[in-house]
Amino acid sequence: MASVVFGQRNVRVFPLRRHILDEVFQHGPCNCSTQRRWKKPIDSARTRLEGRIRDHKLDKLMIQLKNLRLALDLHEFISQQRNGYASLQLLSRWRHEVGLNIEIGAFLKKYPHIFDIYVHPIKNNQCCKVTPKMADLIAEEDAAIWENEPAIVKRLKKLLMLSTDGTLNMHALWLIRRELGDENLAVADVEEWRVKEYAEKWLAESETKYSFPINFPTGFKIEKGFREKLGNWQRLPYTKAYENNELHPIHNVEQLEKHIVGILHELLSLTVEKMIPLERFSHFRRPFDMEVNLRELVLKHPGIFYISTKGSTQTVLLRENYSKGCLVDPNPVYNVRRKMLDLILSGCHGIDETDGPIQLVEEHNQESSNVS
C-alpha cells in the first residue's frame, strides 16, 4: 500500500507517483483524469455533422456554385432595370440582399466573362451589365427548361404522389423551383438501379428488392460488425416511396426511417442537380409525413447522402449521382449551368481589356440619340 508522509514544508511520496497526487490535489478526487476519461461523449446531430468524413470534391463544388448563385442573383436584379444595366452605386446598396459580404466592385471584377464594368458615357459613373456570352447561356437555359417542360410536369406529379393527401404548399414548390428544372410515373428512381443490380450482378431478389446504392467517401472507416448491420438494413422490407402506408403498415422505427430515406432519395432524384438545401426539407416534412429529425437521419446514412456545409448553407447531395464533383448522368439544363460555372471558374483568364467598353459606349450613344 502506498504511504504518504506530510511534513511542514513538503510532501514526500514513496511508491505513489508525485504527478498523480498533484492531479488529485489540483482537480479534486472526482475530477482527476482517471475519472474524466469515463465521461460519456456527447452524441448529437451537430457532433456527427462536425465529425463526418468530408468529401472535398463536393465541398469545393458547393463553394463554386455559391459564387454562380450570387452572379445569377445579380443578373436578375440588373435585368429588371429599364435599360438592362445598373450603376455600381445602386448594386452596392442591394448586395446585402443576396448575401454578398465583399464590395460589389471587387466581386464583379473577379468574373469579367459574366459582367462588363464600364464608365457610362453620359452619366460618367461606373455601370455594369451582363456579357453577351452569359446572356446567351441564360437564354439557352430557358430554352432547355421549356423543351423539358413535360418532364418538369411529370416531376410535379410525382411530388404530389409522394404527399400523404395529394397536395403541396405552393411556397414549398417555389423554394425548390430551380432544383426541379422520365418516364415511369409512380416508380421511384432507385427501382431502376435495383433492376440493373439484379440483372448485372446475379444477386438474389432478396438482396436487391429493398436495397439502396451505397458509396462511402474516401477515408470512411468501416468498424467491426458494420458490414453485417448494413447488409441487414439493405434487406429490411419497408414501405416504398409511392406505396400507401395503409396497405403496407410500418411496424417499427427502422422501417419508418428506411421509408423516409426512400422519400428523401426520390425527392433528390427528381431535382436537376440531385441536391437540395437542407432547410428546404422542412417544408416537405408534414405533406410527406416525415416527422423525424431529417438532418440526423441523413447523417446516419453517409453512403447514400452527403451534407456539405460549404457555400454558406447546408446542402444535401445524392452521393451515387456524383463522381469527382460532376454529375454522372447530366441533363440539358445541368449542362447549361455547368457552362455558366465554367465562366465563374475562368476568372480573368482569356479576357482582352480592349474588348467590351468601346461597344458599350457605342450602344449608349445610340440609346441617347434615340431618346433625343
Protein backbone atom coordinates (compact mmCIF):
# COMPACT_ATOMS: atom_id res chain seq x y z
CA MET A 1 0.00 0.00 0.00
CA ALA A 2 1.26 3.49 -0.76
CA SER A 3 2.37 5.55 2.22
CA VAL A 4 2.37 9.34 2.34
CA VAL A 5 4.21 11.43 4.96
CA PHE A 6 3.18 15.08 5.40
CA GLY A 7 5.86 17.46 6.61
CA GLN A 8 5.70 21.15 7.38
CA ARG A 9 7.04 22.34 4.03
CA ASN A 10 6.85 19.43 1.64
CA VAL A 11 5.06 16.25 0.76
CA ARG A 12 7.12 13.10 0.35
CA VAL A 13 5.60 10.34 -1.75
CA PHE A 14 7.26 6.93 -1.79
CA PRO A 15 5.58 4.32 -4.05
CA LEU A 16 2.88 6.76 -5.24
CA ARG A 17 3.87 8.92 -8.21
CA ARG A 18 4.04 12.62 -7.46
CA HIS A 19 2.21 13.82 -10.61
CA ILE A 20 -0.87 11.66 -9.84
CA LEU A 21 -1.13 13.18 -6.36
CA ASP A 22 -0.75 16.67 -7.84
CA GLU A 23 -3.58 15.86 -10.23
CA VAL A 24 -5.82 14.84 -7.33
CA PHE A 25 -4.96 17.98 -5.30
CA GLN A 26 -5.43 20.27 -8.28
CA HIS A 27 -8.77 19.00 -9.58
CA GLY A 28 -10.19 17.06 -6.63
CA PRO A 29 -10.68 13.30 -6.42
CA CYS A 30 -13.79 13.39 -8.62
CA ASN A 31 -12.20 15.49 -11.37
CA CYS A 32 -8.90 13.74 -11.98
CA SER A 33 -8.06 12.20 -15.33
CA THR A 34 -8.92 8.69 -14.19
CA GLN A 35 -12.48 9.89 -13.56
CA ARG A 36 -12.85 12.18 -16.60
CA ARG A 37 -11.91 9.56 -19.17
CA TRP A 38 -15.09 7.59 -18.44
CA LYS A 39 -17.31 10.57 -19.19
CA LYS A 40 -19.80 9.64 -21.89
CA PRO A 41 -19.13 11.62 -25.11
CA ILE A 42 -21.90 13.86 -26.40
CA ASP A 43 -23.66 12.30 -29.39
CA SER A 44 -25.92 14.64 -31.34
CA ALA A 45 -26.67 15.65 -34.91
CA ARG A 46 -24.27 18.58 -34.51
CA THR A 47 -21.34 16.44 -33.28
CA ARG A 48 -21.98 13.89 -36.04
CA LEU A 49 -22.05 16.70 -38.61
CA GLU A 50 -18.72 18.06 -37.34
CA GLY A 51 -17.15 14.60 -37.14
CA ARG A 52 -18.30 13.24 -40.51
CA ILE A 53 -15.84 12.27 -43.24
CA ARG A 54 -15.56 15.25 -45.59
CA ASP A 55 -15.91 14.91 -49.35
CA HIS A 56 -13.58 17.66 -50.54
CA LYS A 57 -14.67 17.48 -54.18
CA LEU A 58 -18.34 18.03 -53.30
CA ASP A 59 -17.44 20.76 -50.77
CA LYS A 60 -15.40 22.53 -53.46
CA LEU A 61 -18.34 22.26 -55.86
CA MET A 62 -20.64 23.90 -53.27
CA ILE A 63 -18.29 26.90 -52.93
CA GLN A 64 -18.20 27.30 -56.73
CA LEU A 65 -21.98 27.02 -57.01
CA LYS A 66 -22.40 29.66 -54.31
CA ASN A 67 -20.48 32.17 -56.47
CA LEU A 68 -22.56 31.20 -59.50
CA ARG A 69 -25.76 31.65 -57.48
CA LEU A 70 -24.62 35.14 -56.43
CA ALA A 71 -23.83 36.01 -60.05
CA LEU A 72 -27.27 34.83 -61.20
CA ASP A 73 -28.98 36.84 -58.45
CA LEU A 74 -27.10 39.95 -59.57
CA HIS A 75 -28.05 39.24 -63.18
CA GLU A 76 -31.71 39.01 -62.17
CA PHE A 77 -31.51 42.40 -60.47
CA ILE A 78 -29.66 44.02 -63.42
CA SER A 79 -32.13 42.58 -65.95
CA GLN A 80 -35.01 44.21 -64.06
CA GLN A 81 -33.56 47.67 -64.70
CA ARG A 82 -35.09 49.68 -67.53
CA ASN A 83 -32.08 49.67 -69.89
CA GLY A 84 -30.55 46.34 -68.87
CA TYR A 85 -27.69 47.83 -66.84
CA ALA A 86 -27.20 49.14 -63.31
CA SER A 87 -24.76 51.51 -61.65
CA LEU A 88 -22.31 50.09 -59.12
CA GLN A 89 -23.70 52.56 -56.59
CA LEU A 90 -27.17 51.01 -56.96
CA LEU A 91 -25.79 47.47 -56.82
CA SER A 92 -23.77 48.21 -53.68
CA ARG A 93 -26.99 49.14 -51.85
CA TRP A 94 -28.50 45.81 -52.89
CA ARG A 95 -25.55 43.47 -52.24
CA HIS A 96 -26.66 42.51 -48.72
CA GLU A 97 -29.94 41.22 -50.13
CA VAL A 98 -28.07 38.46 -51.98
CA GLY A 99 -25.67 37.75 -49.11
CA LEU A 100 -22.58 39.33 -50.68
CA ASN A 101 -20.03 40.11 -47.95
CA ILE A 102 -17.42 41.89 -50.13
CA GLU A 103 -17.53 45.13 -52.10
CA ILE A 104 -19.70 44.83 -55.19
CA GLY A 105 -16.97 46.16 -57.49
CA ALA A 106 -14.46 43.58 -56.24
CA PHE A 107 -16.92 40.74 -56.85
CA LEU A 108 -17.87 41.89 -60.35
CA LYS A 109 -14.23 42.32 -61.40
CA LYS A 110 -13.48 38.72 -60.42
CA TYR A 111 -15.78 37.48 -63.20
CA PRO A 112 -15.23 39.52 -66.39
CA HIS A 113 -16.66 36.68 -68.50
CA ILE A 114 -20.01 37.36 -66.81
CA PHE A 115 -20.07 41.11 -66.03
CA ASP A 116 -18.95 44.10 -68.09
CA ILE A 117 -17.93 47.12 -65.96
CA TYR A 118 -17.61 50.43 -67.79
CA VAL A 119 -17.96 54.19 -67.32
CA HIS A 120 -21.28 55.49 -68.59
CA PRO A 121 -20.51 57.99 -71.40
CA ILE A 122 -23.29 60.38 -70.39
CA LYS A 123 -23.74 59.97 -66.61
CA ASN A 124 -19.99 59.47 -66.11
CA ASN A 125 -20.46 56.82 -63.39
CA GLN A 126 -19.43 53.18 -63.24
CA CYS A 127 -22.08 50.81 -64.56
CA CYS A 128 -22.41 47.09 -65.10
CA LYS A 129 -24.25 44.81 -67.48
CA VAL A 130 -24.14 41.10 -68.24
CA THR A 131 -21.79 40.00 -71.03
CA PRO A 132 -23.28 38.64 -74.28
CA LYS A 133 -21.67 35.27 -73.52
CA MET A 134 -23.52 34.96 -70.19
CA ALA A 135 -26.75 36.33 -71.67
CA ASP A 136 -26.62 33.63 -74.36
CA LEU A 137 -26.19 30.91 -71.72
CA ILE A 138 -29.14 32.21 -69.70
CA ALA A 139 -31.28 32.16 -72.85
CA GLU A 140 -30.02 28.64 -73.56
CA GLU A 141 -31.02 27.53 -70.05
CA ASP A 142 -34.52 29.00 -70.50
CA ALA A 143 -34.86 27.16 -73.82
CA ALA A 144 -33.71 23.88 -72.25
CA ILE A 145 -36.26 24.26 -69.44
CA TRP A 146 -39.10 24.92 -71.90
CA GLU A 147 -38.08 21.94 -74.03
CA ASN A 148 -38.01 19.87 -70.85
CA GLU A 149 -41.49 21.04 -69.76
CA PRO A 150 -43.17 17.58 -69.98
CA ALA A 151 -40.50 16.13 -67.68
CA ILE A 152 -40.99 19.01 -65.21
CA VAL A 153 -44.76 18.39 -65.18
CA LYS A 154 -44.04 14.73 -64.51
CA ARG A 155 -41.76 15.64 -61.59
CA LEU A 156 -44.53 17.77 -60.09
CA LYS A 157 -46.96 14.86 -60.43
CA LYS A 158 -44.52 12.57 -58.63
CA LEU A 159 -44.05 15.11 -55.84
CA LEU A 160 -47.82 15.28 -55.37
CA MET A 161 -47.98 11.50 -55.30
CA LEU A 162 -45.34 11.42 -52.56
CA SER A 163 -47.51 13.56 -50.27
CA THR A 164 -49.98 11.86 -47.96
CA ASP A 165 -53.06 13.76 -49.20
CA GLY A 166 -52.02 14.61 -52.78
CA THR A 167 -51.41 18.31 -52.07
CA LEU A 168 -48.34 20.51 -51.59
CA ASN A 169 -47.88 24.08 -50.41
CA MET A 170 -47.05 26.37 -53.35
CA HIS A 171 -44.39 28.12 -51.27
CA ALA A 172 -42.55 24.80 -50.80
CA LEU A 173 -42.54 24.24 -54.58
CA TRP A 174 -41.43 27.82 -55.19
CA LEU A 175 -38.43 27.31 -52.89
CA ILE A 176 -37.15 24.37 -54.96
CA ARG A 177 -38.20 25.80 -58.35
CA ARG A 178 -34.58 25.92 -59.55
CA GLU A 179 -33.84 22.38 -58.36
CA LEU A 180 -36.83 20.99 -60.33
CA GLY A 181 -35.72 22.43 -63.61
CA ASP A 182 -38.63 10.10 -67.05
CA GLU A 183 -40.90 8.20 -67.64
CA ASN A 184 -42.40 5.57 -65.27
CA LEU A 185 -44.75 7.59 -63.11
CA ALA A 186 -45.13 6.17 -59.57
CA VAL A 187 -41.87 4.23 -59.94
CA ALA A 188 -39.05 5.55 -57.76
CA ASP A 189 -35.71 6.31 -59.39
CA VAL A 190 -33.96 3.78 -57.15
CA GLU A 191 -36.07 0.96 -58.65
CA GLU A 192 -34.20 1.29 -61.96
CA TRP A 193 -30.91 0.82 -60.11
CA ARG A 194 -32.29 -2.27 -58.33
CA VAL A 195 -33.32 -3.89 -61.61
CA LYS A 196 -29.86 -3.21 -63.04
CA GLU A 197 -28.10 -4.64 -59.96
CA TYR A 198 -30.30 -7.74 -60.06
CA ALA A 199 -29.59 -8.34 -63.76
CA GLU A 200 -25.88 -7.49 -63.91
CA LYS A 201 -24.57 -8.90 -60.63
CA TRP A 202 -26.70 -12.06 -60.49
CA LEU A 203 -27.82 -11.25 -56.96
CA ALA A 204 -30.79 -12.82 -55.22
CA GLU A 205 -34.01 -10.80 -55.33
CA SER A 206 -33.93 -10.51 -51.53
CA GLU A 207 -30.54 -8.77 -51.82
CA THR A 208 -31.77 -6.02 -54.15
CA LYS A 209 -35.53 -5.65 -53.58
CA TYR A 210 -35.18 -3.13 -50.73
CA SER A 211 -31.55 -2.02 -51.12
CA PHE A 212 -30.05 1.40 -51.92
CA PRO A 213 -26.83 2.28 -53.79
CA ILE A 214 -24.08 2.87 -51.23
CA ASN A 215 -20.96 4.98 -51.97
CA PHE A 216 -18.83 5.82 -48.95
CA PRO A 217 -16.41 8.79 -49.11
CA THR A 218 -12.66 8.30 -49.24
CA GLY A 219 -11.29 7.76 -45.73
CA PHE A 220 -14.50 6.27 -44.33
CA LYS A 221 -13.58 3.76 -41.61
CA ILE A 222 -15.57 0.53 -41.56
CA GLU A 223 -15.76 -0.72 -37.99
CA LYS A 224 -16.22 -4.29 -36.84
CA GLY A 225 -19.75 -5.54 -37.41
CA PHE A 226 -20.64 -2.62 -39.69
CA ARG A 227 -20.95 -4.68 -42.89
CA GLU A 228 -23.35 -7.10 -41.21
CA LYS A 229 -25.54 -4.25 -39.92
CA LEU A 230 -25.53 -2.60 -43.34
CA GLY A 231 -26.49 -5.88 -45.03
CA ASN A 232 -29.38 -6.37 -42.61
CA TRP A 233 -30.55 -2.79 -43.24
CA GLN A 234 -30.36 -3.25 -47.02
CA ARG A 235 -32.57 -6.37 -46.81
CA LEU A 236 -35.05 -4.77 -44.40
CA PRO A 237 -38.53 -4.54 -46.03
CA TYR A 238 -40.10 -1.08 -45.94
CA THR A 239 -42.99 0.90 -47.38
CA LYS A 240 -41.62 2.33 -50.64
CA ALA A 241 -41.97 5.97 -51.64
CA TYR A 242 -45.15 5.67 -53.74
CA GLU A 243 -46.79 2.87 -51.73
CA ASN A 244 -49.78 3.53 -49.50
CA ASN A 245 -48.96 3.32 -45.79
CA GLU A 246 -52.41 1.89 -45.06
CA LEU A 247 -51.85 -1.01 -47.45
CA HIS A 248 -48.32 -1.60 -46.13
CA PRO A 249 -48.27 -0.60 -42.44
CA ILE A 250 -44.98 0.31 -40.77
CA HIS A 251 -44.26 -1.85 -37.73
CA ASN A 252 -41.08 -0.42 -36.20
CA VAL A 253 -38.75 2.58 -36.11
CA GLU A 254 -36.21 1.06 -38.52
CA GLN A 255 -38.89 0.55 -41.18
CA LEU A 256 -40.13 4.11 -40.64
CA GLU A 257 -36.61 5.54 -41.04
CA LYS A 258 -35.97 3.48 -44.18
CA HIS A 259 -39.32 4.65 -45.60
CA ILE A 260 -38.23 8.28 -45.06
CA VAL A 261 -34.78 7.55 -46.55
CA GLY A 262 -36.64 6.30 -49.64
CA ILE A 263 -38.71 9.51 -49.83
CA LEU A 264 -35.63 11.75 -49.46
CA HIS A 265 -33.80 9.68 -52.08
CA GLU A 266 -36.69 10.08 -54.52
CA LEU A 267 -37.07 13.82 -53.78
CA LEU A 268 -33.38 14.40 -54.55
CA SER A 269 -33.62 12.20 -57.66
CA LEU A 270 -36.35 14.47 -59.04
CA THR A 271 -34.09 17.55 -58.99
CA VAL A 272 -31.92 18.66 -61.90
CA GLU A 273 -28.63 18.61 -59.97
CA LYS A 274 -29.55 15.95 -57.36
CA MET A 275 -29.16 18.36 -54.45
CA ILE A 276 -31.41 20.46 -52.17
CA PRO A 277 -30.53 22.85 -49.32
CA LEU A 278 -31.22 21.04 -46.04
CA GLU A 279 -33.51 23.73 -44.59
CA ARG A 280 -35.92 23.32 -47.52
CA PHE A 281 -36.64 19.74 -46.48
CA SER A 282 -38.59 21.17 -43.54
CA HIS A 283 -41.30 22.44 -45.94
CA PHE A 284 -41.98 18.83 -47.00
CA ARG A 285 -41.97 17.18 -43.57
CA ARG A 286 -45.72 17.34 -42.98
CA PRO A 287 -47.05 16.61 -46.51
CA PHE A 288 -44.60 13.69 -46.87
CA ASP A 289 -45.22 12.54 -43.26
CA MET A 290 -41.54 12.76 -42.29
CA GLU A 291 -41.88 13.67 -38.61
CA VAL A 292 -38.27 12.91 -37.63
CA ASN A 293 -35.03 14.88 -37.33
CA LEU A 294 -34.10 14.90 -41.02
CA ARG A 295 -30.54 16.14 -40.55
CA GLU A 296 -29.88 13.36 -38.03
CA LEU A 297 -31.38 10.77 -40.39
CA VAL A 298 -29.29 11.99 -43.34
CA LEU A 299 -26.11 11.83 -41.22
CA LYS A 300 -26.90 8.22 -40.29
CA HIS A 301 -26.59 7.22 -43.96
CA PRO A 302 -23.29 8.69 -45.27
CA GLY A 303 -23.17 6.13 -48.08
CA ILE A 304 -26.42 7.47 -49.57
CA PHE A 305 -26.41 11.19 -48.72
CA TYR A 306 -23.76 13.84 -48.18
CA ILE A 307 -24.23 17.12 -46.30
CA SER A 308 -21.92 19.91 -47.41
CA THR A 309 -21.62 22.93 -45.11
CA LYS A 310 -19.72 24.98 -47.71
CA GLY A 311 -21.26 27.82 -49.70
CA SER A 312 -22.93 29.48 -46.68
CA THR A 313 -25.60 26.79 -46.39
CA GLN A 314 -26.03 23.10 -45.58
CA THR A 315 -26.79 21.23 -48.81
CA VAL A 316 -27.80 17.57 -49.13
CA LEU A 317 -26.48 15.74 -52.21
CA LEU A 318 -27.27 12.28 -53.52
CA ARG A 319 -23.86 10.65 -53.42
CA GLU A 320 -24.47 8.00 -56.11
CA ASN A 321 -25.09 10.70 -58.75
CA TYR A 322 -21.69 12.40 -58.37
CA SER A 323 -18.19 11.39 -59.38
CA LYS A 324 -15.21 13.74 -58.99
CA GLY A 325 -17.53 16.68 -58.36
CA CYS A 326 -19.59 16.22 -61.55
CA LEU A 327 -22.99 14.71 -62.26
CA VAL A 328 -22.64 11.14 -63.54
CA ASP A 329 -25.70 11.35 -65.81
CA PRO A 330 -26.00 15.01 -66.91
CA ASN A 331 -29.16 16.52 -68.42
CA PRO A 332 -29.58 19.52 -70.78
CA VAL A 333 -30.35 22.03 -68.00
CA TYR A 334 -27.39 20.83 -65.93
CA ASN A 335 -25.09 21.11 -68.98
CA VAL A 336 -26.01 24.78 -69.45
CA ARG A 337 -25.48 25.52 -65.75
CA ARG A 338 -22.12 23.79 -65.97
CA LYS A 339 -21.14 26.18 -68.79
CA MET A 340 -22.11 29.09 -66.52
CA LEU A 341 -19.97 27.60 -63.76
CA ASP A 342 -17.06 27.37 -66.22
CA LEU A 343 -17.33 31.15 -66.72
CA ILE A 344 -17.07 31.57 -62.94
CA LEU A 345 -14.02 29.30 -62.83
CA SER A 346 -12.38 31.11 -65.76
CA GLY A 347 -11.95 34.25 -63.65
CA CYS A 348 -9.95 36.80 -65.63
CA HIS A 349 -8.33 34.28 -67.99
CA GLY A 350 -8.79 34.92 -71.70
CA ILE A 351 -10.05 38.49 -71.28
CA ASP A 352 -8.85 41.25 -73.61
CA GLU A 353 -9.23 44.55 -71.74
CA THR A 354 -9.75 46.44 -75.01
CA ASP A 355 -12.90 44.43 -75.77
CA GLY A 356 -16.28 45.38 -74.41
CA PRO A 357 -16.14 49.05 -73.29
CA ILE A 358 -15.99 50.52 -76.83
CA GLN A 359 -19.02 48.52 -77.89
CA LEU A 360 -20.89 49.56 -74.73
CA VAL A 361 -20.13 53.23 -75.33
CA GLU A 362 -21.49 52.93 -78.88
CA GLU A 363 -24.67 51.29 -77.53
CA HIS A 364 -25.22 54.12 -75.03
CA ASN A 365 -24.58 56.78 -77.69
CA GLN A 366 -27.17 55.09 -79.90
CA GLU A 367 -29.55 54.91 -76.93
CA SER A 368 -29.18 58.64 -76.17
CA SER A 369 -29.68 59.59 -79.84
CA ASN A 370 -32.89 57.54 -79.96
CA VAL A 371 -34.18 59.35 -76.88
CA SER A 372 -33.40 62.77 -78.35
